[in-house]
Amino acid sequence: TQPQWNSRHTAAENPAIPLVSTKLVAQMPAISE
């Protein structure tokens, strides 16, 4: 719905999420869910 959400370059603060540990992933509620 937001204009910035219509490009991968502007749609996320973190466009690459490292799956380095369950602890790090747990800190990102959307990804954990």
PDB file of all heavy atoms in Angstrom:
ATOM      1  N   THR A   1       0.808  -1.220   0.000  1.00  0.00           N
ATOM      2  CA  THR A   1       0.000   0.000   0.000  1.00  0.00           C
ATOM      3  C   THR A   1       0.841   1.271   0.000  1.00  0.00           C
ATOM      4  O   THR A   1       0.399   2.297  -0.497  1.00  0.00           O
ATOM      5  CB  THR A   1      -0.945   0.033   1.221  1.00  0.00           C
ATOM      6  OG1 THR A   1      -0.166  -0.084   2.410  1.00  0.00           O
ATOM      7  CG2 THR A   1      -1.970  -1.084   1.158  1.00  0.00           C
ATOM      8  N   GLN A   2       2.031   1.222   0.558  1.00  0.00           N
ATOM      9  CA  GLN A   2       2.914   2.385   0.600  1.00  0.00           C
ATOM     10  C   GLN A   2       3.810   2.386  -0.643  1.00  0.00           C
ATOM     11  O   GLN A   2       4.313   1.328  -1.034  1.00  0.00           O
ATOM     12  CB  GLN A   2       3.783   2.358   1.860  1.00  0.00           C
ATOM     13  CG  GLN A   2       3.007   2.331   3.153  1.00  0.00           C
ATOM     14  CD  GLN A   2       2.175   3.583   3.351  1.00  0.00           C
ATOM     15  OE1 GLN A   2       2.645   4.698   3.111  1.00  0.00           O
ATOM     16  NE2 GLN A   2       0.936   3.418   3.763  1.00  0.00           N
ATOM     17  N   PRO A   3       4.025   3.549  -1.262  1.00  0.00           N
ATOM     18  CA  PRO A   3       4.857   3.585  -2.480  1.00  0.00           C
ATOM     19  C   PRO A   3       6.236   2.944  -2.308  1.00  0.00           C
ATOM     20  O   PRO A   3       6.701   2.236  -3.202  1.00  0.00           O
ATOM     21  CB  PRO A   3       4.986   5.082  -2.780  1.00  0.00           C
ATOM     22  CG  PRO A   3       3.788   5.698  -2.139  1.00  0.00           C
ATOM     23  CD  PRO A   3       3.493   4.872  -0.914  1.00  0.00           C
ATOM     24  N   GLN A   4       6.870   3.148  -1.161  1.00  0.00           N
ATOM     25  CA  GLN A   4       8.211   2.584  -0.950  1.00  0.00           C
ATOM     26  C   GLN A   4       8.190   1.069  -0.832  1.00  0.00           C
ATOM     27  O   GLN A   4       9.224   0.418  -0.939  1.00  0.00           O
ATOM     28  CB  GLN A   4       8.900   3.226   0.266  1.00  0.00           C
ATOM     29  CG  GLN A   4       8.298   2.872   1.602  1.00  0.00           C
ATOM     30  CD  GLN A   4       7.191   3.813   2.047  1.00  0.00           C
ATOM     31  OE1 GLN A   4       6.582   4.510   1.242  1.00  0.00           O
ATOM     32  NE2 GLN A   4       6.926   3.835   3.350  1.00  0.00           N
ATOM     33  N   TRP A   5       7.028   0.476  -0.633  1.00  0.00           N
ATOM     34  CA  TRP A   5       6.924  -0.970  -0.497  1.00  0.00           C
ATOM     35  C   TRP A   5       6.872  -1.680  -1.853  1.00  0.00           C
ATOM     36  O   TRP A   5       6.750  -2.892  -1.916  1.00  0.00           O
ATOM     37  CB  TRP A   5       5.687  -1.353   0.303  1.00  0.00           C
ATOM     38  CG  TRP A   5       5.734  -0.961   1.739  1.00  0.00           C
ATOM     39  CD1 TRP A   5       6.798  -0.473   2.438  1.00  0.00           C
ATOM     40  CD2 TRP A   5       4.658  -1.028   2.673  1.00  0.00           C
ATOM     41  NE1 TRP A   5       6.451  -0.232   3.733  1.00  0.00           N
ATOM     42  CE2 TRP A   5       5.133  -0.565   3.910  1.00  0.00           C
ATOM     43  CE3 TRP A   5       3.331  -1.433   2.573  1.00  0.00           C
ATOM     44  CZ2 TRP A   5       4.345  -0.495   5.036  1.00  0.00           C
ATOM     45  CZ3 TRP A   5       2.548  -1.362   3.707  1.00  0.00           C
ATOM     46  CH2 TRP A   5       3.048  -0.904   4.929  1.00  0.00           C
ATOM     47  N   ASN A   6       6.957  -0.944  -2.942  1.00  0.00           N
ATOM     48  CA  ASN A   6       6.800  -1.532  -4.266  1.00  0.00           C
ATOM     49  C   ASN A   6       8.124  -1.745  -4.999  1.00  0.00           C
ATOM     50  O   ASN A   6       8.134  -1.935  -6.210  1.00  0.00           O
ATOM     51  CB  ASN A   6       5.837  -0.679  -5.089  1.00  0.00           C
ATOM     52  CG  ASN A   6       4.436  -0.771  -4.523  1.00  0.00           C
ATOM     53  OD1 ASN A   6       3.837  -1.834  -4.496  1.00  0.00           O
ATOM     54  ND2 ASN A   6       3.922   0.343  -4.035  1.00  0.00           N
ATOM     55  N   SER A   7       9.198  -1.752  -4.251  1.00  0.00           N
ATOM     56  CA  SER A   7      10.519  -2.044  -4.810  1.00  0.00           C
ATOM     57  C   SER A   7      11.321  -2.792  -3.764  1.00  0.00           C
ATOM     58  O   SER A   7      11.288  -2.423  -2.581  1.00  0.00           O
ATOM     59  CB  SER A   7      11.242  -0.746  -5.175  1.00  0.00           C
ATOM     60  OG  SER A   7      12.624  -0.997  -5.396  1.00  0.00           O
ATOM     61  N   ARG A   8      12.054  -3.775  -4.176  1.00  0.00           N
ATOM     62  CA  ARG A   8      12.881  -4.511  -3.211  1.00  0.00           C
ATOM     63  C   ARG A   8      13.964  -3.623  -2.617  1.00  0.00           C
ATOM     64  O   ARG A   8      14.470  -3.876  -1.540  1.00  0.00           O
ATOM     65  CB  ARG A   8      13.488  -5.757  -3.837  1.00  0.00           C
ATOM     66  CG  ARG A   8      14.698  -5.493  -4.715  1.00  0.00           C
ATOM     67  CD  ARG A   8      15.369  -6.821  -5.105  1.00  0.00           C
ATOM     68  NE  ARG A   8      16.517  -6.595  -5.938  1.00  0.00           N
ATOM     69  CZ  ARG A   8      17.771  -6.592  -5.493  1.00  0.00           C
ATOM     70  NH1 ARG A   8      18.034  -6.801  -4.223  1.00  0.00           N
ATOM     71  NH2 ARG A   8      18.775  -6.385  -6.323  1.00  0.00           N
ATOM     72  N   HIS A   9      14.305  -2.546  -3.322  1.00  0.00           N
ATOM     73  CA  HIS A   9      15.369  -1.650  -2.871  1.00  0.00           C
ATOM     74  C   HIS A   9      14.916  -0.719  -1.750  1.00  0.00           C
ATOM     75  O   HIS A   9      15.748  -0.178  -1.030  1.00  0.00           O
ATOM     76  CB  HIS A   9      15.906  -0.852  -4.055  1.00  0.00           C
ATOM     77  CG  HIS A   9      16.453  -1.726  -5.136  1.00  0.00           C
ATOM     78  ND1 HIS A   9      17.663  -2.382  -5.043  1.00  0.00           N
ATOM     79  CD2 HIS A   9      15.930  -2.097  -6.330  1.00  0.00           C
ATOM     80  CE1 HIS A   9      17.863  -3.098  -6.131  1.00  0.00           C
ATOM     81  NE2 HIS A   9      16.832  -2.952  -6.929  1.00  0.00           N
ATOM     82  N   THR A  10      13.605  -0.523  -1.612  1.00  0.00           N
ATOM     83  CA  THR A  10      13.095   0.413  -0.599  1.00  0.00           C
ATOM     84  C   THR A  10      12.055  -0.209   0.333  1.00  0.00           C
ATOM     85  O   THR A  10      11.552   0.464   1.229  1.00  0.00           O
ATOM     86  CB  THR A  10      12.465   1.639  -1.286  1.00  0.00           C
ATOM     87  OG1 THR A  10      11.426   1.208  -2.172  1.00  0.00           O
ATOM     88  CG2 THR A  10      13.499   2.448  -2.050  1.00  0.00           C
ATOM     89  N   ALA A  11      11.729  -1.471   0.147  1.00  0.00           N
ATOM     90  CA  ALA A  11      10.621  -2.094   0.877  1.00  0.00           C
ATOM     91  C   ALA A  11      10.996  -2.617   2.255  1.00  0.00           C
ATOM     92  O   ALA A  11      10.121  -2.952   3.039  1.00  0.00           O
ATOM     93  CB  ALA A  11      10.028  -3.241   0.051  1.00  0.00           C
ATOM     94  N   ALA A  12      12.272  -2.702   2.553  1.00  0.00           N
ATOM     95  CA  ALA A  12      12.661  -3.284   3.838  1.00  0.00           C
ATOM     96  C   ALA A  12      13.939  -2.635   4.346  1.00  0.00           C
ATOM     97  O   ALA A  12      14.842  -2.325   3.565  1.00  0.00           O
ATOM     98  CB  ALA A  12      12.876  -4.780   3.689  1.00  0.00           C
ATOM     99  N   GLU A  13      13.978  -2.467   5.660  1.00  0.00           N
ATOM    100  CA  GLU A  13      15.183  -1.940   6.284  1.00  0.00           C
ATOM    101  C   GLU A  13      16.327  -2.936   6.163  1.00  0.00           C
ATOM    102  O   GLU A  13      17.482  -2.573   6.020  1.00  0.00           O
ATOM    103  CB  GLU A  13      14.895  -1.642   7.757  1.00  0.00           C
ATOM    104  CG  GLU A  13      16.032  -0.995   8.484  1.00  0.00           C
ATOM    105  CD  GLU A  13      15.687  -0.674   9.926  1.00  0.00           C
ATOM    106  OE1 GLU A  13      14.505  -0.438  10.221  1.00  0.00           O
ATOM    107  OE2 GLU A  13      16.606  -0.673  10.761  1.00  0.00           O
ATOM    108  N   ASN A  14      15.982  -4.229   6.215  1.00  0.00           N
ATOM    109  CA  ASN A  14      16.978  -5.299   6.145  1.00  0.00           C
ATOM    110  C   ASN A  14      16.628  -6.248   5.002  1.00  0.00           C
ATOM    111  O   ASN A  14      15.928  -7.232   5.214  1.00  0.00           O
ATOM    112  CB  ASN A  14      17.034  -6.059   7.465  1.00  0.00           C
ATOM    113  CG  ASN A  14      17.430  -5.155   8.613  1.00  0.00           C
ATOM    114  OD1 ASN A  14      18.483  -4.544   8.585  1.00  0.00           O
ATOM    115  ND2 ASN A  14      16.572  -5.052   9.608  1.00  0.00           N
ATOM    116  N   PRO A  15      17.099  -5.959   3.789  1.00  0.00           N
ATOM    117  CA  PRO A  15      16.748  -6.812   2.645  1.00  0.00           C
ATOM    118  C   PRO A  15      17.473  -8.156   2.615  1.00  0.00           C
ATOM    119  O   PRO A  15      17.131  -9.010   1.823  1.00  0.00           O
ATOM    120  CB  PRO A  15      17.122  -5.955   1.436  1.00  0.00           C
ATOM    121  CG  PRO A  15      18.181  -5.035   1.936  1.00  0.00           C
ATOM    122  CD  PRO A  15      17.875  -4.784   3.380  1.00  0.00           C
ATOM    123  N   ALA A  16      18.458  -8.328   3.483  1.00  0.00           N
ATOM    124  CA  ALA A  16      19.152  -9.617   3.600  1.00  0.00           C
ATOM    125  C   ALA A  16      19.194  -9.984   5.076  1.00  0.00           C
ATOM    126  O   ALA A  16      19.823  -9.292   5.878  1.00  0.00           O
ATOM    127  CB  ALA A  16      20.552  -9.552   3.015  1.00  0.00           C
ATOM    128  N   ILE A  17      18.522 -11.053   5.426  1.00  0.00           N
ATOM    129  CA  ILE A  17      18.409 -11.467   6.819  1.00  0.00           C
ATOM    130  C   ILE A  17      19.265 -12.711   7.028  1.00  0.00           C
ATOM    131  O   ILE A  17      18.970 -13.774   6.479  1.00  0.00           O
ATOM    132  CB  ILE A  17      16.942 -11.740   7.174  1.00  0.00           C
ATOM    133  CG1 ILE A  17      16.141 -10.452   6.983  1.00  0.00           C
ATOM    134  CG2 ILE A  17      16.816 -12.289   8.586  1.00  0.00           C
ATOM    135  CD1 ILE A  17      14.655 -10.644   6.980  1.00  0.00           C
ATOM    136  N   PRO A  18      20.342 -12.572   7.802  1.00  0.00           N
ATOM    137  CA  PRO A  18      21.220 -13.724   8.019  1.00  0.00           C
ATOM    138  C   PRO A  18      20.548 -14.754   8.913  1.00  0.00           C
ATOM    139  O   PRO A  18      20.003 -14.427   9.962  1.00  0.00           O
ATOM    140  CB  PRO A  18      22.439 -13.114   8.705  1.00  0.00           C
ATOM    141  CG  PRO A  18      21.933 -11.875   9.369  1.00  0.00           C
ATOM    142  CD  PRO A  18      20.792 -11.383   8.520  1.00  0.00           C
ATOM    143  N   LEU A  19      20.570 -15.979   8.486  1.00  0.00           N
ATOM    144  CA  LEU A  19      20.016 -17.075   9.282  1.00  0.00           C
ATOM    145  C   LEU A  19      21.169 -17.721  10.044  1.00  0.00           C
ATOM    146  O   LEU A  19      21.465 -18.898   9.898  1.00  0.00           O
ATOM    147  CB  LEU A  19      19.291 -18.070   8.374  1.00  0.00           C
ATOM    148  CG  LEU A  19      18.146 -17.474   7.564  1.00  0.00           C
ATOM    149  CD1 LEU A  19      17.545 -18.514   6.632  1.00  0.00           C
ATOM    150  CD2 LEU A  19      17.084 -16.872   8.468  1.00  0.00           C
ATOM    151  N   VAL A  20      21.816 -16.888  10.844  1.00  0.00           N
ATOM    152  CA  VAL A  20      23.035 -17.294  11.528  1.00  0.00           C
ATOM    153  C   VAL A  20      22.751 -18.003  12.850  1.00  0.00           C
ATOM    154  O   VAL A  20      23.542 -18.829  13.283  1.00  0.00           O
ATOM    155  CB  VAL A  20      23.969 -16.077  11.732  1.00  0.00           C
ATOM    156  CG1 VAL A  20      23.375 -15.067  12.697  1.00  0.00           C
ATOM    157  CG2 VAL A  20      25.351 -16.493  12.155  1.00  0.00           C
ATOM    158  N   SER A  21      21.614 -17.687  13.475  1.00  0.00           N
ATOM    159  CA  SER A  21      21.278 -18.351  14.729  1.00  0.00           C
ATOM    160  C   SER A  21      19.802 -18.167  15.032  1.00  0.00           C
ATOM    161  O   SER A  21      19.182 -17.201  14.587  1.00  0.00           O
ATOM    162  CB  SER A  21      22.109 -17.794  15.892  1.00  0.00           C
ATOM    163  OG  SER A  21      21.684 -16.487  16.216  1.00  0.00           O
ATOM    164  N   THR A  22      19.255 -19.080  15.815  1.00  0.00           N
ATOM    165  CA  THR A  22      17.852 -18.940  16.222  1.00  0.00           C
ATOM    166  C   THR A  22      17.690 -17.708  17.106  1.00  0.00           C
ATOM    167  O   THR A  22      16.636 -17.076  17.098  1.00  0.00           O
ATOM    168  CB  THR A  22      17.350 -20.198  16.951  1.00  0.00           C
ATOM    169  OG1 THR A  22      18.219 -20.475  18.043  1.00  0.00           O
ATOM    170  CG2 THR A  22      17.285 -21.387  16.022  1.00  0.00           C
ATOM    171  N   LYS A  23      18.729 -17.348  17.857  1.00  0.00           N
ATOM    172  CA  LYS A  23      18.675 -16.167  18.728  1.00  0.00           C
ATOM    173  C   LYS A  23      18.494 -14.894  17.889  1.00  0.00           C
ATOM    174  O   LYS A  23      17.661 -14.042  18.216  1.00  0.00           O
ATOM    175  CB  LYS A  23      19.946 -16.078  19.565  1.00  0.00           C
ATOM    176  CG  LYS A  23      19.962 -14.928  20.538  1.00  0.00           C
ATOM    177  CD  LYS A  23      21.246 -14.937  21.354  1.00  0.00           C
ATOM    178  CE  LYS A  23      21.293 -13.743  22.282  1.00  0.00           C
ATOM    179  NZ  LYS A  23      22.549 -13.694  23.038  1.00  0.00           N
ATOM    180  N   LEU A  24      19.246 -14.755  16.804  1.00  0.00           N
ATOM    181  CA  LEU A  24      19.115 -13.571  15.949  1.00  0.00           C
ATOM    182  C   LEU A  24      17.745 -13.552  15.269  1.00  0.00           C
ATOM    183  O   LEU A  24      17.081 -12.517  15.235  1.00  0.00           O
ATOM    184  CB  LEU A  24      20.221 -13.532  14.893  1.00  0.00           C
ATOM    185  CG  LEU A  24      20.127 -12.358  13.911  1.00  0.00           C
ATOM    186  CD1 LEU A  24      20.480 -11.052  14.614  1.00  0.00           C
ATOM    187  CD2 LEU A  24      21.030 -12.563  12.722  1.00  0.00           C
ATOM    188  N   VAL A  25      17.309 -14.680  14.753  1.00  0.00           N
ATOM    189  CA  VAL A  25      16.011 -14.759  14.084  1.00  0.00           C
ATOM    190  C   VAL A  25      14.886 -14.423  15.060  1.00  0.00           C
ATOM    191  O   VAL A  25      13.927 -13.748  14.704  1.00  0.00           O
ATOM    192  CB  VAL A  25      15.811 -16.147  13.424  1.00  0.00           C
ATOM    193  CG1 VAL A  25      14.401 -16.315  12.909  1.00  0.00           C
ATOM    194  CG2 VAL A  25      16.818 -16.329  12.288  1.00  0.00           C
ATOM    195  N   ALA A  26      15.023 -14.841  16.313  1.00  0.00           N
ATOM    196  CA  ALA A  26      14.001 -14.562  17.327  1.00  0.00           C
ATOM    197  C   ALA A  26      13.846 -13.070  17.593  1.00  0.00           C
ATOM    198  O   ALA A  26      12.792 -12.620  18.040  1.00  0.00           O
ATOM    199  CB  ALA A  26      14.330 -15.302  18.612  1.00  0.00           C
ATOM    200  N   GLN A  27      14.865 -12.285  17.295  1.00  0.00           N
ATOM    201  CA  GLN A  27      14.806 -10.836  17.498  1.00  0.00           C
ATOM    202  C   GLN A  27      14.000 -10.138  16.395  1.00  0.00           C
ATOM    203  O   GLN A  27      13.762  -8.934  16.479  1.00  0.00           O
ATOM    204  CB  GLN A  27      16.219 -10.251  17.549  1.00  0.00           C
ATOM    205  CG  GLN A  27      17.012 -10.713  18.742  1.00  0.00           C
ATOM    206  CD  GLN A  27      18.461 -10.282  18.669  1.00  0.00           C
ATOM    207  OE1 GLN A  27      18.875  -9.508  17.815  1.00  0.00           O
ATOM    208  NE2 GLN A  27      19.264 -10.799  19.587  1.00  0.00           N
ATOM    209  N   MET A  28      13.601 -10.880  15.379  1.00  0.00           N
ATOM    210  CA  MET A  28      12.813 -10.333  14.273  1.00  0.00           C
ATOM    211  C   MET A  28      11.457 -11.025  14.272  1.00  0.00           C
ATOM    212  O   MET A  28      11.302 -12.097  13.682  1.00  0.00           O
ATOM    213  CB  MET A  28      13.559 -10.546  12.956  1.00  0.00           C
ATOM    214  CG  MET A  28      14.859  -9.777  12.894  1.00  0.00           C
ATOM    215  SD  MET A  28      15.802 -10.137  11.412  1.00  0.00           S
ATOM    216  CE  MET A  28      16.749 -11.532  11.985  1.00  0.00           C
ATOM    217  N   PRO A  29      10.471 -10.440  14.941  1.00  0.00           N
ATOM    218  CA  PRO A  29       9.177 -11.116  15.114  1.00  0.00           C
ATOM    219  C   PRO A  29       8.518 -11.559  13.811  1.00  0.00           C
ATOM    220  O   PRO A  29       7.961 -12.654  13.751  1.00  0.00           O
ATOM    221  CB  PRO A  29       8.324 -10.072  15.832  1.00  0.00           C
ATOM    222  CG  PRO A  29       9.298  -9.141  16.468  1.00  0.00           C
ATOM    223  CD  PRO A  29      10.516  -9.149  15.603  1.00  0.00           C
ATOM    224  N   ALA A  30       8.577 -10.750  12.773  1.00  0.00           N
ATOM    225  CA  ALA A  30       7.919 -11.129  11.518  1.00  0.00           C
ATOM    226  C   ALA A  30       8.566 -12.374  10.922  1.00  0.00           C
ATOM    227  O   ALA A  30       7.873 -13.291  10.462  1.00  0.00           O
ATOM    228  CB  ALA A  30       7.958  -9.975  10.521  1.00  0.00           C
ATOM    229  N   ILE A  31       9.881 -12.428  10.930  1.00  0.00           N
ATOM    230  CA  ILE A  31      10.595 -13.578  10.368  1.00  0.00           C
ATOM    231  C   ILE A  31      10.363 -14.803  11.238  1.00  0.00           C
ATOM    232  O   ILE A  31      10.102 -15.904  10.732  1.00  0.00           O
ATOM    233  CB  ILE A  31      12.100 -13.275  10.227  1.00  0.00           C
ATOM    234  CG1 ILE A  31      12.317 -12.064   9.306  1.00  0.00           C
ATOM    235  CG2 ILE A  31      12.867 -14.486   9.744  1.00  0.00           C
ATOM    236  CD1 ILE A  31      11.724 -12.185   7.926  1.00  0.00           C
ATOM    237  N   SER A  32      10.431 -14.634  12.547  1.00  0.00           N
ATOM    238  CA  SER A  32      10.167 -15.755  13.461  1.00  0.00           C
ATOM    239  C   SER A  32       8.780 -16.325  13.242  1.00  0.00           C
ATOM    240  O   SER A  32       8.583 -17.545  13.265  1.00  0.00           O
ATOM    241  CB  SER A  32      10.302 -15.297  14.915  1.00  0.00           C
ATOM    242  OG  SER A  32      11.610 -14.931  15.197  1.00  0.00           O
ATOM    243  N   GLU A  33       7.808 -15.450  13.025  1.00  0.00           N
ATOM    244  CA  GLU A  33       6.430 -15.897  12.824  1.00  0.00           C
ATOM    245  C   GLU A  33       6.287 -16.659  11.506  1.00  0.00           C
ATOM    246  O   GLU A  33       5.577 -17.660  11.433  1.00  0.00           O
ATOM    247  CB  GLU A  33       5.471 -14.710  12.867  1.00  0.00           C
ATOM    248  CG  GLU A  33       4.017 -15.075  12.788  1.00  0.00           C
ATOM    249  CD  GLU A  33       3.525 -15.951  13.950  1.00  0.00           C
ATOM    250  OE1 GLU A  33       4.205 -16.061  14.987  1.00  0.00           O
ATOM    251  OE2 GLU A  33       2.434 -16.555  13.798  1.00  0.00           O
TER     252      GLU A  33
END
